[in-house]
Amino acid sequence: MALWGQTTEKEQFHETELAQPSLQQHSEDKEFIIAPGLIVEGKVEGTGHVRIAGRFKGDIHVEGDVTVEQGAHITGCIWAENIVVRGEVEGDIHATSRVGLTNFGVLNGDLKASLLTVATGSRIRGKVEIGGDERGDKVIPIRGGESSL
């Protein structure tokens, strides 16, 4: 940190890089971040948003959004309102609202959400359930090797 509360160019870049929104901007909300290069094992629960840019082993259960950044790896299940997968998840994901898989996103596990956005190049190996009981569940089984959507 530079003198008199000024940030260095390196610190400004780091703050800008981590402050990018996942699905929407959450300026007043809490956000828990596992930075690139960190390896964490445990459990995350509570209210707020989670951004994983490193490696995490364990379950995440939050009232908020979860973003798995490109290059990140999670081994465990995720429960959240909205989930964006830019990295890799080995485990099931459950979103009360929506899931977005970017062109680098990889999911090895089952997915359940109200809405799903899938980019060309993303990969899912597991069962996908979209919609709720009131609208009738739409189940899309994905069998065999890796499937690209």
C-alpha atoms as a PDB file:
ATOM      1  CA  MET A   1       0.000   0.000   0.000  1.00  0.00           C
ATOM      2  CA  ALA A   2       1.314   3.418  -0.904  1.00  0.00           C
ATOM      3  CA  LEU A   3       1.536   6.294   1.565  1.00  0.00           C
ATOM      4  CA  TRP A   4      -1.505   8.314   2.648  1.00  0.00           C
ATOM      5  CA  GLY A   5      -4.105   5.710   1.725  1.00  0.00           C
ATOM      6  CA  GLN A   6      -3.320   5.645  -1.990  1.00  0.00           C
ATOM      7  CA  THR A   7      -3.207   2.278  -3.687  1.00  0.00           C
ATOM      8  CA  THR A   8      -0.466   1.118  -6.009  1.00  0.00           C
ATOM      9  CA  GLU A   9      -1.149   0.170  -9.623  1.00  0.00           C
ATOM     10  CA  LYS A  10      -0.853  -3.533  -8.735  1.00  0.00           C
ATOM     11  CA  GLU A  11      -3.406  -3.204  -5.898  1.00  0.00           C
ATOM     12  CA  GLN A  12      -5.819  -1.271  -8.142  1.00  0.00           C
ATOM     13  CA  PHE A  13      -5.641  -4.019 -10.784  1.00  0.00           C
ATOM     14  CA  HIS A  14      -6.285  -6.721  -8.153  1.00  0.00           C
ATOM     15  CA  GLU A  15      -9.268  -4.833  -6.701  1.00  0.00           C
ATOM     16  CA  THR A  16     -10.741  -4.247 -10.185  1.00  0.00           C
ATOM     17  CA  GLU A  17     -10.242  -7.885 -11.170  1.00  0.00           C
ATOM     18  CA  LEU A  18     -12.100  -9.257  -8.124  1.00  0.00           C
ATOM     19  CA  ALA A  19     -14.848  -6.630  -8.102  1.00  0.00           C
ATOM     20  CA  GLN A  20     -16.403  -7.661 -11.410  1.00  0.00           C
ATOM     21  CA  PRO A  21     -20.025  -8.787 -10.926  1.00  0.00           C
ATOM     22  CA  SER A  22     -21.171 -12.363 -11.487  1.00  0.00           C
ATOM     23  CA  LEU A  23     -24.822 -12.084 -12.505  1.00  0.00           C
ATOM     24  CA  GLN A  24     -25.591  -8.659 -11.103  1.00  0.00           C
ATOM     25  CA  GLN A  25     -23.834  -5.951  -9.091  1.00  0.00           C
ATOM     26  CA  HIS A  26     -23.984  -6.410  -5.299  1.00  0.00           C
ATOM     27  CA  SER A  27     -22.425  -3.239  -3.962  1.00  0.00           C
ATOM     28  CA  GLU A  28     -24.010  -3.436  -0.487  1.00  0.00           C
ATOM     29  CA  ASP A  29     -23.809  -7.208  -0.039  1.00  0.00           C
ATOM     30  CA  LYS A  30     -21.082  -9.257   1.624  1.00  0.00           C
ATOM     31  CA  GLU A  31     -18.769 -11.319  -0.577  1.00  0.00           C
ATOM     32  CA  PHE A  32     -16.425 -14.133   0.465  1.00  0.00           C
ATOM     33  CA  ILE A  33     -13.481 -14.617  -1.905  1.00  0.00           C
ATOM     34  CA  ILE A  34     -11.000 -17.444  -2.306  1.00  0.00           C
ATOM     35  CA  ALA A  35      -8.269 -15.801  -4.369  1.00  0.00           C
ATOM     36  CA  PRO A  36      -6.231 -17.460  -7.131  1.00  0.00           C
ATOM     37  CA  GLY A  37      -3.428 -19.592  -5.754  1.00  0.00           C
ATOM     38  CA  LEU A  38      -5.270 -20.421  -2.509  1.00  0.00           C
ATOM     39  CA  ILE A  39      -6.399 -23.929  -1.584  1.00  0.00           C
ATOM     40  CA  VAL A  40      -9.171 -24.108   1.028  1.00  0.00           C
ATOM     41  CA  GLU A  41     -10.981 -27.103   2.515  1.00  0.00           C
ATOM     42  CA  GLY A  42     -14.122 -26.795   4.621  1.00  0.00           C
ATOM     43  CA  LYS A  43     -17.698 -25.600   4.462  1.00  0.00           C
ATOM     44  CA  VAL A  44     -19.216 -22.220   3.567  1.00  0.00           C
ATOM     45  CA  GLU A  45     -22.694 -21.352   4.908  1.00  0.00           C
ATOM     46  CA  GLY A  46     -24.618 -18.153   5.414  1.00  0.00           C
ATOM     47  CA  THR A  47     -25.965 -15.069   3.716  1.00  0.00           C
ATOM     48  CA  GLY A  48     -23.817 -13.322   1.142  1.00  0.00           C
ATOM     49  CA  HIS A  49     -21.996 -14.006  -2.090  1.00  0.00           C
ATOM     50  CA  VAL A  50     -19.084 -16.334  -2.763  1.00  0.00           C
ATOM     51  CA  ARG A  51     -16.421 -15.968  -5.454  1.00  0.00           C
ATOM     52  CA  ILE A  52     -13.985 -18.839  -5.940  1.00  0.00           C
ATOM     53  CA  ALA A  53     -10.870 -18.116  -7.997  1.00  0.00           C
ATOM     54  CA  GLY A  54      -8.639 -20.743  -6.338  1.00  0.00           C
ATOM     55  CA  ARG A  55      -9.343 -24.321  -5.244  1.00  0.00           C
ATOM     56  CA  PHE A  56     -12.053 -25.277  -2.747  1.00  0.00           C
ATOM     57  CA  LYS A  57     -12.954 -28.695  -1.346  1.00  0.00           C
ATOM     58  CA  GLY A  58     -16.259 -28.825   0.535  1.00  0.00           C
ATOM     59  CA  ASP A  59     -19.854 -27.704   0.253  1.00  0.00           C
ATOM     60  CA  ILE A  60     -21.154 -24.174  -0.247  1.00  0.00           C
ATOM     61  CA  HIS A  61     -24.659 -23.333   1.004  1.00  0.00           C
ATOM     62  CA  VAL A  62     -25.507 -19.626   0.802  1.00  0.00           C
ATOM     63  CA  GLU A  63     -28.417 -17.253   0.429  1.00  0.00           C
ATOM     64  CA  GLY A  64     -26.717 -15.309  -2.341  1.00  0.00           C
ATOM     65  CA  ASP A  65     -24.729 -15.910  -5.514  1.00  0.00           C
ATOM     66  CA  VAL A  66     -21.748 -18.160  -6.182  1.00  0.00           C
ATOM     67  CA  THR A  67     -19.219 -17.491  -8.949  1.00  0.00           C
ATOM     68  CA  VAL A  68     -16.613 -20.070  -9.918  1.00  0.00           C
ATOM     69  CA  GLU A  69     -13.995 -18.140 -11.868  1.00  0.00           C
ATOM     70  CA  GLN A  70     -12.049 -19.442 -14.868  1.00  0.00           C
ATOM     71  CA  GLY A  71      -9.166 -21.594 -13.601  1.00  0.00           C
ATOM     72  CA  ALA A  72     -10.918 -22.270 -10.273  1.00  0.00           C
ATOM     73  CA  HIS A  73     -11.800 -25.790  -9.116  1.00  0.00           C
ATOM     74  CA  ILE A  74     -14.459 -26.866  -6.612  1.00  0.00           C
ATOM     75  CA  THR A  75     -14.926 -30.390  -5.297  1.00  0.00           C
ATOM     76  CA  GLY A  76     -18.257 -30.392  -3.467  1.00  0.00           C
ATOM     77  CA  CYS A  77     -21.892 -29.377  -3.815  1.00  0.00           C
ATOM     78  CA  ILE A  78     -23.198 -25.833  -4.231  1.00  0.00           C
ATOM     79  CA  TRP A  79     -26.578 -24.449  -3.103  1.00  0.00           C
ATOM     80  CA  ALA A  80     -27.242 -20.784  -3.932  1.00  0.00           C
ATOM     81  CA  GLU A  81     -29.674 -18.370  -5.564  1.00  0.00           C
ATOM     82  CA  ASN A  82     -27.603 -17.843  -8.728  1.00  0.00           C
ATOM     83  CA  ILE A  83     -24.507 -19.756  -9.813  1.00  0.00           C
ATOM     84  CA  VAL A  84     -22.016 -18.847 -12.552  1.00  0.00           C
ATOM     85  CA  VAL A  85     -19.502 -21.511 -13.585  1.00  0.00           C
ATOM     86  CA  ARG A  86     -16.482 -20.250 -15.489  1.00  0.00           C
ATOM     87  CA  GLY A  87     -14.152 -22.868 -13.967  1.00  0.00           C
ATOM     88  CA  GLU A  88     -14.673 -26.483 -12.925  1.00  0.00           C
ATOM     89  CA  VAL A  89     -17.112 -28.010 -10.419  1.00  0.00           C
ATOM     90  CA  GLU A  90     -17.025 -31.667  -9.353  1.00  0.00           C
ATOM     91  CA  GLY A  91     -20.302 -32.083  -7.482  1.00  0.00           C
ATOM     92  CA  ASP A  92     -23.968 -31.198  -7.742  1.00  0.00           C
ATOM     93  CA  ILE A  93     -25.218 -27.633  -8.048  1.00  0.00           C
ATOM     94  CA  HIS A  94     -28.661 -26.399  -6.997  1.00  0.00           C
ATOM     95  CA  ALA A  95     -29.823 -22.852  -7.767  1.00  0.00           C
ATOM     96  CA  THR A  96     -33.133 -21.426  -6.610  1.00  0.00           C
ATOM     97  CA  SER A  97     -32.980 -19.012  -9.547  1.00  0.00           C
ATOM     98  CA  ARG A  98     -30.476 -19.571 -12.356  1.00  0.00           C
ATOM     99  CA  VAL A  99     -27.226 -21.189 -13.425  1.00  0.00           C
ATOM    100  CA  GLY A 100     -24.897 -19.887 -16.123  1.00  0.00           C
ATOM    101  CA  LEU A 101     -22.118 -21.973 -17.663  1.00  0.00           C
ATOM    102  CA  THR A 102     -19.633 -19.986 -19.724  1.00  0.00           C
ATOM    103  CA  ASN A 103     -17.574 -21.368 -22.602  1.00  0.00           C
ATOM    104  CA  PHE A 104     -14.888 -22.524 -20.106  1.00  0.00           C
ATOM    105  CA  GLY A 105     -17.372 -23.895 -17.543  1.00  0.00           C
ATOM    106  CA  VAL A 106     -17.222 -27.586 -16.639  1.00  0.00           C
ATOM    107  CA  LEU A 107     -19.704 -29.407 -14.392  1.00  0.00           C
ATOM    108  CA  ASN A 108     -19.196 -33.044 -13.401  1.00  0.00           C
ATOM    109  CA  GLY A 109     -22.375 -33.579 -11.411  1.00  0.00           C
ATOM    110  CA  ASP A 110     -26.098 -32.983 -11.453  1.00  0.00           C
ATOM    111  CA  LEU A 111     -27.639 -29.553 -11.941  1.00  0.00           C
ATOM    112  CA  LYS A 112     -30.992 -28.260 -10.737  1.00  0.00           C
ATOM    113  CA  ALA A 113     -32.207 -24.699 -11.393  1.00  0.00           C
ATOM    114  CA  SER A 114     -35.191 -22.664 -12.519  1.00  0.00           C
ATOM    115  CA  LEU A 115     -33.248 -21.224 -15.476  1.00  0.00           C
ATOM    116  CA  LEU A 116     -30.098 -22.366 -17.274  1.00  0.00           C
ATOM    117  CA  THR A 117     -27.835 -20.447 -19.636  1.00  0.00           C
ATOM    118  CA  VAL A 118     -25.204 -22.493 -21.445  1.00  0.00           C
ATOM    119  CA  ALA A 119     -22.441 -21.131 -23.676  1.00  0.00           C
ATOM    120  CA  THR A 120     -20.906 -23.049 -26.551  1.00  0.00           C
ATOM    121  CA  GLY A 121     -17.881 -24.939 -25.288  1.00  0.00           C
ATOM    122  CA  SER A 122     -19.156 -25.557 -21.755  1.00  0.00           C
ATOM    123  CA  ARG A 123     -19.387 -29.177 -20.605  1.00  0.00           C
ATOM    124  CA  ILE A 124     -21.830 -31.001 -18.349  1.00  0.00           C
ATOM    125  CA  ARG A 125     -21.645 -34.623 -17.270  1.00  0.00           C
ATOM    126  CA  GLY A 126     -24.696 -35.403 -15.170  1.00  0.00           C
ATOM    127  CA  LYS A 127     -28.445 -34.967 -14.956  1.00  0.00           C
ATOM    128  CA  VAL A 128     -29.971 -31.543 -15.633  1.00  0.00           C
ATOM    129  CA  GLU A 129     -33.329 -30.461 -14.149  1.00  0.00           C
ATOM    130  CA  ILE A 130     -34.772 -27.128 -15.261  1.00  0.00           C
ATOM    131  CA  GLY A 131     -37.984 -25.583 -13.953  1.00  0.00           C
ATOM    132  CA  GLY A 132     -40.127 -26.080 -10.879  1.00  0.00           C
ATOM    133  CA  ASP A 133     -42.896 -28.425  -9.829  1.00  0.00           C
ATOM    134  CA  GLU A 134     -45.613 -25.890 -10.628  1.00  0.00           C
ATOM    135  CA  ARG A 135     -44.489 -25.737 -14.279  1.00  0.00           C
ATOM    136  CA  GLY A 136     -43.559 -29.404 -14.518  1.00  0.00           C
ATOM    137  CA  ASP A 137     -39.928 -30.432 -14.301  1.00  0.00           C
ATOM    138  CA  LYS A 138     -37.995 -30.877 -17.524  1.00  0.00           C
ATOM    139  CA  VAL A 139     -35.295 -33.486 -17.008  1.00  0.00           C
ATOM    140  CA  ILE A 140     -32.527 -33.753 -19.602  1.00  0.00           C
ATOM    141  CA  PRO A 141     -30.402 -36.844 -18.982  1.00  0.00           C
ATOM    142  CA  ILE A 142     -26.844 -36.612 -20.304  1.00  0.00           C
ATOM    143  CA  ARG A 143     -25.419 -40.073 -20.822  1.00  0.00           C
ATOM    144  CA  GLY A 144     -22.144 -41.486 -22.016  1.00  0.00           C
ATOM    145  CA  GLY A 145     -18.972 -39.424 -22.132  1.00  0.00           C
ATOM    146  CA  GLU A 146     -18.730 -35.681 -21.810  1.00  0.00           C
ATOM    147  CA  SER A 147     -21.482 -33.848 -23.604  1.00  0.00           C
ATOM    148  CA  SER A 148     -21.186 -30.364 -24.946  1.00  0.00           C
ATOM    149  CA  LEU A 149     -24.289 -28.232 -24.904  1.00  0.00           C
END
